[in-house]
Protein backbone atom coordinates (compact mmCIF):
# COMPACT_ATOMS: atom_id res chain seq x y z
CA MET A 1 25.73 -9.45 1.96
CA THR A 2 23.56 -9.63 -1.17
CA ARG A 3 21.32 -6.65 -1.87
CA VAL A 4 17.63 -7.54 -2.06
CA VAL A 5 14.97 -5.81 -4.15
CA VAL A 6 11.40 -6.48 -3.05
CA VAL A 7 8.53 -5.73 -5.42
CA GLY A 8 4.95 -5.92 -4.24
CA ASP A 9 2.20 -4.58 -2.07
CA LEU A 10 2.06 -1.76 0.46
CA MET A 11 -0.91 -1.50 2.81
CA THR A 12 -2.25 0.21 5.89
CA ASP A 13 -3.44 -2.46 8.35
CA THR A 14 -6.26 -1.67 10.75
CA VAL A 15 -5.88 -4.44 13.32
CA ALA A 16 -8.76 -5.28 15.65
CA ARG A 17 -7.72 -7.79 18.32
CA ALA A 18 -10.71 -9.20 20.19
CA ALA A 19 -10.39 -9.59 23.95
CA PHE A 20 -12.99 -12.40 24.06
CA PRO A 21 -14.63 -14.81 21.59
CA LEU A 22 -16.47 -12.87 18.89
CA ALA A 23 -20.09 -12.15 19.77
CA LYS A 24 -21.78 -12.40 16.37
CA GLY A 25 -24.45 -9.77 15.88
CA SER A 26 -23.29 -7.87 18.97
CA ASP A 27 -20.26 -6.10 20.42
CA THR A 28 -16.89 -7.57 21.39
CA PRO A 29 -14.26 -5.49 23.22
CA ALA A 30 -11.13 -5.15 21.11
CA ALA A 31 -7.86 -3.27 20.83
CA VAL A 32 -7.91 -1.43 17.49
CA THR A 33 -4.60 -0.13 16.15
CA ILE A 34 -3.20 1.04 12.82
CA HIS A 35 0.04 -0.29 11.37
CA GLY A 36 2.04 -0.41 8.17
CA GLY A 37 1.34 -3.56 6.19
CA GLY A 38 1.43 -5.27 2.83
CA SER A 39 3.31 -8.53 2.37
CA GLY A 40 6.05 -7.11 0.15
CA ALA A 41 6.59 -4.04 2.31
CA ASN A 42 6.63 -6.21 5.43
CA VAL A 43 9.38 -8.41 4.02
CA ALA A 44 11.41 -5.32 3.13
CA ALA A 45 11.01 -3.84 6.63
CA TRP A 46 12.09 -7.04 8.38
CA LEU A 47 15.04 -7.45 6.02
CA ALA A 48 16.21 -3.92 6.80
CA VAL A 49 16.02 -4.58 10.54
CA GLU A 50 18.10 -7.72 9.94
CA GLY A 51 20.81 -5.50 8.44
CA VAL A 52 20.16 -6.28 4.77
CA ASP A 53 20.60 -3.61 2.08
CA VAL A 54 17.05 -3.65 0.71
CA ALA A 55 14.94 -1.64 -1.72
CA PHE A 56 11.17 -1.81 -2.05
CA VAL A 57 9.24 -0.98 -5.22
CA GLY A 58 5.51 -0.38 -4.96
CA ARG A 59 2.70 2.11 -5.30
CA ARG A 60 0.89 4.30 -2.79
CA GLY A 61 -1.87 6.88 -2.76
CA SER A 62 -1.30 10.62 -2.42
CA ASP A 63 -3.12 10.48 0.93
CA ILE A 64 -1.75 10.89 4.45
CA ALA A 65 -1.68 7.11 4.88
CA GLY A 66 0.58 6.77 1.86
CA ARG A 67 2.94 9.44 3.14
CA ASN A 68 3.09 7.73 6.53
CA ARG A 69 3.80 4.32 5.00
CA ASP A 70 6.56 5.88 2.87
CA MET A 71 8.18 7.51 5.90
CA GLU A 72 7.90 4.29 7.93
CA LEU A 73 9.79 2.29 5.33
CA MET A 74 12.54 4.88 5.19
CA GLY A 75 12.64 4.82 8.99
CA TYR A 76 13.40 1.11 8.89
CA GLY A 77 16.24 1.81 6.48
CA VAL A 78 14.50 0.65 3.31
CA ASP A 79 15.30 2.32 -0.02
CA ALA A 80 11.62 3.02 -0.71
CA ARG A 81 10.81 3.51 -4.39
CA LEU A 82 7.09 4.28 -4.15
CA VAL A 83 5.15 5.66 -7.10
CA MET A 84 2.42 8.08 -6.00
CA ASP A 85 -1.07 7.39 -7.38
CA HIS A 86 -3.25 10.52 -7.52
CA GLU A 87 -6.46 8.59 -8.24
CA ARG A 88 -6.38 5.61 -5.89
CA PRO A 89 -5.90 5.56 -2.11
CA THR A 90 -3.15 3.64 -0.38
CA GLY A 91 -4.15 0.00 0.02
CA THR A 92 -6.00 -0.89 3.21
CA CYS A 93 -6.51 -4.15 5.06
CA VAL A 94 -8.82 -4.76 8.00
CA VAL A 95 -7.29 -7.52 10.12
CA MET A 96 -9.59 -9.20 12.61
CA VAL A 97 -7.61 -11.11 15.23
CA THR A 98 -9.40 -13.48 17.61
CA HIS A 99 -8.55 -13.76 21.30
CA LYS A 100 -6.49 -16.84 20.35
CA GLY A 101 -4.44 -14.99 17.72
CA ASP A 102 -6.15 -16.38 14.61
CA ARG A 103 -6.75 -13.78 11.93
CA THR A 104 -9.10 -12.97 9.07
CA MET A 105 -8.32 -10.20 6.57
CA LEU A 106 -10.50 -7.93 4.44
CA SER A 107 -8.36 -6.24 1.80
CA ASP A 108 -8.78 -3.27 -0.51
CA PRO A 109 -5.65 -3.12 -2.71
CA GLY A 110 -6.13 0.54 -3.64
CA ALA A 111 -3.06 1.88 -5.42
CA ASN A 112 -1.43 -1.56 -5.43
CA ALA A 113 -3.86 -2.60 -8.16
CA ALA A 114 -2.40 0.02 -10.49
CA LEU A 115 1.28 -0.95 -10.32
CA LEU A 116 2.47 -0.64 -13.92
CA PRO A 117 5.39 -1.98 -15.96
CA GLU A 118 6.45 1.68 -16.33
CA ASP A 119 6.75 1.91 -12.54
CA ILE A 120 9.20 -0.99 -12.61
CA GLU A 121 11.12 0.57 -15.50
CA ARG A 122 11.65 3.72 -13.43
CA CYS A 123 13.55 1.56 -10.96
CA LYS A 124 15.55 -0.33 -13.56
CA ASP A 125 18.80 0.72 -11.87
CA LEU A 126 17.96 -1.75 -9.08
CA PHE A 127 18.05 -4.72 -11.44
CA SER A 128 21.63 -5.92 -11.74
CA HIS A 129 23.62 -9.12 -11.58
CA GLY A 130 24.45 -10.09 -8.02
CA THR A 131 21.26 -8.58 -6.61
CA HIS A 132 18.35 -10.73 -5.46
CA LEU A 133 14.70 -10.13 -6.35
CA HIS A 134 11.88 -11.16 -4.04
CA LEU A 135 8.45 -10.81 -5.65
CA SER A 136 5.35 -10.78 -3.49
CA GLY A 137 2.74 -13.20 -4.80
CA TYR A 138 0.04 -10.58 -4.27
CA ALA A 139 1.45 -8.61 -7.21
CA LEU A 140 0.73 -11.58 -9.49
CA ILE A 141 -2.60 -12.50 -7.93
CA ASN A 142 -3.98 -8.97 -8.37
CA GLU A 143 -4.99 -8.59 -12.00
CA GLY A 144 -4.24 -4.85 -11.99
CA SER A 145 -0.57 -5.32 -11.04
CA ARG A 146 0.02 -8.60 -12.88
CA LYS A 147 1.67 -7.14 -15.97
CA ALA A 148 4.06 -5.19 -13.74
CA ALA A 149 4.88 -8.36 -11.78
CA ILE A 150 5.57 -10.35 -14.94
CA HIS A 151 7.70 -7.50 -16.28
CA THR A 152 9.61 -7.52 -12.99
CA LEU A 153 10.43 -11.21 -13.42
CA ASP A 154 11.51 -10.62 -17.03
CA LEU A 155 13.87 -7.81 -16.00
CA ALA A 156 15.36 -9.94 -13.24
CA ARG A 157 15.99 -12.86 -15.60
CA LYS A 158 17.66 -10.60 -18.15
CA ALA A 159 19.88 -9.17 -15.41
CA GLN A 160 20.70 -12.71 -14.25
CA MET A 161 19.42 -11.99 -10.75
CA SER A 162 18.44 -14.74 -8.37
CA VAL A 163 14.69 -14.72 -7.79
CA SER A 164 12.37 -15.81 -5.00
CA VAL A 165 8.57 -15.69 -5.08
CA ASP A 166 5.98 -16.23 -2.38
CA GLY A 167 2.44 -17.51 -2.78
CA GLY A 168 0.61 -14.44 -1.52
CA SER A 169 -2.51 -15.86 0.13
CA SER A 170 -4.36 -19.14 -0.24
CA SER A 171 -7.87 -17.91 -0.96
CA PRO A 172 -7.07 -15.48 -3.82
CA LEU A 173 -4.48 -17.94 -5.15
CA LYS A 174 -7.20 -20.58 -5.36
CA ARG A 175 -9.53 -18.18 -7.17
CA MET A 176 -6.83 -17.38 -9.71
CA GLY A 177 -5.81 -21.00 -10.23
CA ALA A 178 -2.57 -22.91 -9.89
CA GLU A 179 -1.61 -23.21 -13.54
CA PRO A 180 -1.23 -19.48 -14.31
CA PHE A 181 0.82 -18.90 -11.15
CA LEU A 182 3.15 -21.81 -11.92
CA GLU A 183 3.54 -20.67 -15.52
CA TRP A 184 4.32 -17.03 -14.66
CA THR A 185 6.83 -17.85 -11.92
CA GLN A 186 8.56 -20.85 -13.43
CA GLY A 187 12.30 -20.22 -13.42
CA ALA A 188 12.38 -18.54 -10.03
CA ARG A 189 15.16 -20.06 -7.95
CA LEU A 190 13.05 -20.29 -4.79
CA LEU A 191 9.34 -20.59 -4.04
CA VAL A 192 8.12 -19.87 -0.50
CA VAL A 193 4.54 -20.90 0.32
CA ASN A 194 2.53 -22.02 3.31
CA ALA A 195 0.97 -25.47 3.54
CA LYS A 196 -2.43 -24.33 2.21
CA GLU A 197 -0.88 -22.57 -0.77
CA ALA A 198 1.27 -25.62 -1.50
CA GLU A 199 -1.82 -27.82 -1.53
CA ILE A 200 -3.61 -25.44 -3.91
CA LEU A 201 -0.65 -25.45 -6.30
CA THR A 202 -0.17 -29.23 -6.29
CA GLY A 203 -3.26 -30.98 -5.01
CA ARG A 204 -1.07 -32.77 -2.45
CA ASP A 205 -2.26 -32.60 1.14
CA THR A 206 1.09 -33.01 2.90
CA PRO A 207 3.90 -30.44 2.68
CA ALA A 208 6.57 -33.06 1.92
CA GLN A 209 4.60 -34.43 -1.05
CA ALA A 210 3.76 -30.94 -2.29
CA ALA A 211 7.40 -29.84 -2.09
CA LYS A 212 8.52 -32.75 -4.27
CA VAL A 213 5.90 -31.88 -6.90
CA LEU A 214 6.82 -28.19 -6.86
CA THR A 215 10.47 -28.87 -7.68
CA ALA A 216 9.27 -29.60 -11.22
CA TRP A 217 8.93 -25.81 -11.52
CA TYR A 218 11.39 -24.43 -8.95
CA PRO A 219 14.91 -25.62 -8.04
CA GLN A 220 14.21 -25.02 -4.35
CA VAL A 221 10.99 -24.92 -2.36
CA VAL A 222 10.23 -23.81 1.20
CA ILE A 223 6.90 -24.63 2.83
CA LYS A 224 5.80 -22.95 6.06
CA SER A 225 3.55 -25.00 8.32
CA GLY A 226 2.89 -22.66 11.21
CA ALA A 227 3.22 -24.40 14.56
CA ASP A 228 4.68 -27.43 12.75
CA GLY A 229 7.70 -25.48 11.58
CA ALA A 230 8.98 -25.35 8.00
CA LEU A 231 10.73 -27.45 5.38
CA TRP A 232 13.10 -26.97 2.46
CA TYR A 233 13.43 -29.32 -0.49
CA THR A 234 15.40 -29.61 -3.71
CA ASN A 235 15.53 -32.38 -6.29
CA GLY A 236 17.97 -35.17 -5.60
CA ARG A 237 17.37 -35.32 -1.87
CA PRO A 238 15.54 -38.36 -0.45
CA GLU A 239 13.60 -36.24 2.06
CA PRO A 240 13.05 -32.54 2.82
CA VAL A 241 15.06 -30.69 5.45
CA THR A 242 12.70 -29.78 8.29
CA VAL A 243 12.94 -27.59 11.40
CA ALA A 244 10.53 -27.12 14.27
CA ALA A 245 8.80 -23.83 14.92
CA GLU A 246 10.26 -21.68 17.65
CA PRO A 247 7.94 -21.85 20.67
CA VAL A 248 5.87 -18.75 21.44
CA GLU A 249 4.37 -18.52 24.90
CA LYS A 250 1.53 -16.28 23.79
CA ILE A 251 0.62 -15.38 20.22
CA VAL A 252 -0.50 -11.76 20.20
CA ASP A 253 -0.99 -11.36 16.44
CA GLY A 254 0.03 -13.71 13.64
CA THR A 255 -0.22 -10.97 11.00
CA GLY A 256 3.02 -10.75 9.03
CA ALA A 257 4.64 -13.80 10.63
CA GLY A 258 5.02 -15.42 7.21
CA ASP A 259 6.63 -12.26 5.84
CA ALA A 260 9.02 -12.16 8.78
CA PHE A 261 9.88 -15.81 8.07
CA VAL A 262 10.85 -14.91 4.50
CA ALA A 263 13.03 -12.05 5.76
CA GLY A 264 14.71 -14.35 8.26
CA PHE A 265 15.28 -17.12 5.73
CA LEU A 266 16.64 -15.12 2.80
CA PRO A 267 19.89 -13.65 4.24
CA PRO A 268 21.49 -16.96 5.35
CA TRP A 269 20.13 -18.70 2.25
CA LEU A 270 21.66 -16.06 -0.02
CA ASP A 271 24.93 -16.35 1.90
CA GLY A 272 25.08 -20.07 1.11
CA LYS A 273 24.36 -21.29 4.65
CA GLN A 274 22.84 -24.71 5.25
CA PRO A 275 19.07 -24.91 4.60
CA ALA A 276 18.44 -25.90 8.24
CA ASP A 277 20.19 -22.73 9.40
CA ALA A 278 18.10 -20.58 7.05
CA LEU A 279 14.87 -22.28 8.13
CA THR A 280 15.78 -21.77 11.78
CA ALA A 281 16.45 -18.08 11.17
CA GLY A 282 13.09 -17.78 9.43
CA CYS A 283 11.23 -19.45 12.29
CA ARG A 284 13.03 -17.26 14.81
CA LEU A 285 11.93 -14.04 13.11
CA ALA A 286 8.38 -15.35 12.60
CA ALA A 287 8.15 -16.08 16.32
CA ARG A 288 9.27 -12.54 17.10
CA ALA A 289 6.60 -11.12 14.78
CA MET A 290 3.83 -13.02 16.57
CA GLN A 291 4.61 -11.46 19.92
CA HIS A 292 3.30 -7.97 19.14
CA LEU A 293 0.46 -6.32 17.25
CA GLY A 294 1.09 -5.51 13.60
CA ALA A 295 3.05 -7.10 10.80
CA ARG A 296 6.21 -4.99 11.00
CA PRO A 297 9.11 -4.77 13.49
CA THR A 298 8.24 -2.60 16.49
CA LEU A 299 9.82 0.80 16.88
CA ASP A 300 11.94 -0.31 19.83
CA VAL A 301 13.50 -2.99 17.61
CA VAL A 302 14.36 -0.34 15.03
CA ASP A 303 15.78 1.99 17.69
CA ASN A 304 18.01 -0.77 19.01
CA GLN A 305 19.27 -1.48 15.50
CA ILE A 306 20.15 2.18 15.02
CA LYS A 307 22.00 2.30 18.35
């Protein structure tokens, strides 16, 4: 199986799941828990649980949270290459989850915003032909880590690695603008975005139309549409390949479901399986992620993998 190198963000997620509709200006009972997070780190954790040889490159603070996030990644089986920042704290995200499972995030990137090209150079041994790079879109969207992200893509191209990129998040992507993102990531073999991100990048309001536009920049495109499933498209096909979402009886927390999808999709895709099989694997892992609090695999999943 192809080794995967993930470069991107590492966060501590404070998840507050409301038991009832939010009472604005008053109190709402909630379950508040702390979890490892960050889109890039989430992808790496899910890949490791899926049995993939995976390394993660990122930056953390010298605080207790950073140490805990480092140890968590190693516990999943990730080759964690985290640079310690002595000035900035580990990134933090407050995730507010409604009683229906919808979520809103308030993010402080912390040390993620200081990821440097030199940090990537220290991990240059990971960049080799036959290895796959997955770059978290957050690393490009954040101005502080952008040079490091662009340097990462340059190193991967020089090493003739296959490259996938995700869109990060729709709101900051919109603030940054579509043109810079498309320019920086052009040449990646695969783009993975959700329907909102696809619309921002193309101006097309349907995933199928957006996918066809995006193949002007990327050979292959995957668009996630939540409860409507996902699609894959490449030039030369009359229509995209689509699969339905795997049903979930009760969504506990949608945080990290998109990252789990990426981790489910990549292994069969890298192994040359049919796009429908890869999409199905992505939807399966996304469904699993939505059935518990937090964006990472639960400890019992990791224990079962070890056994």
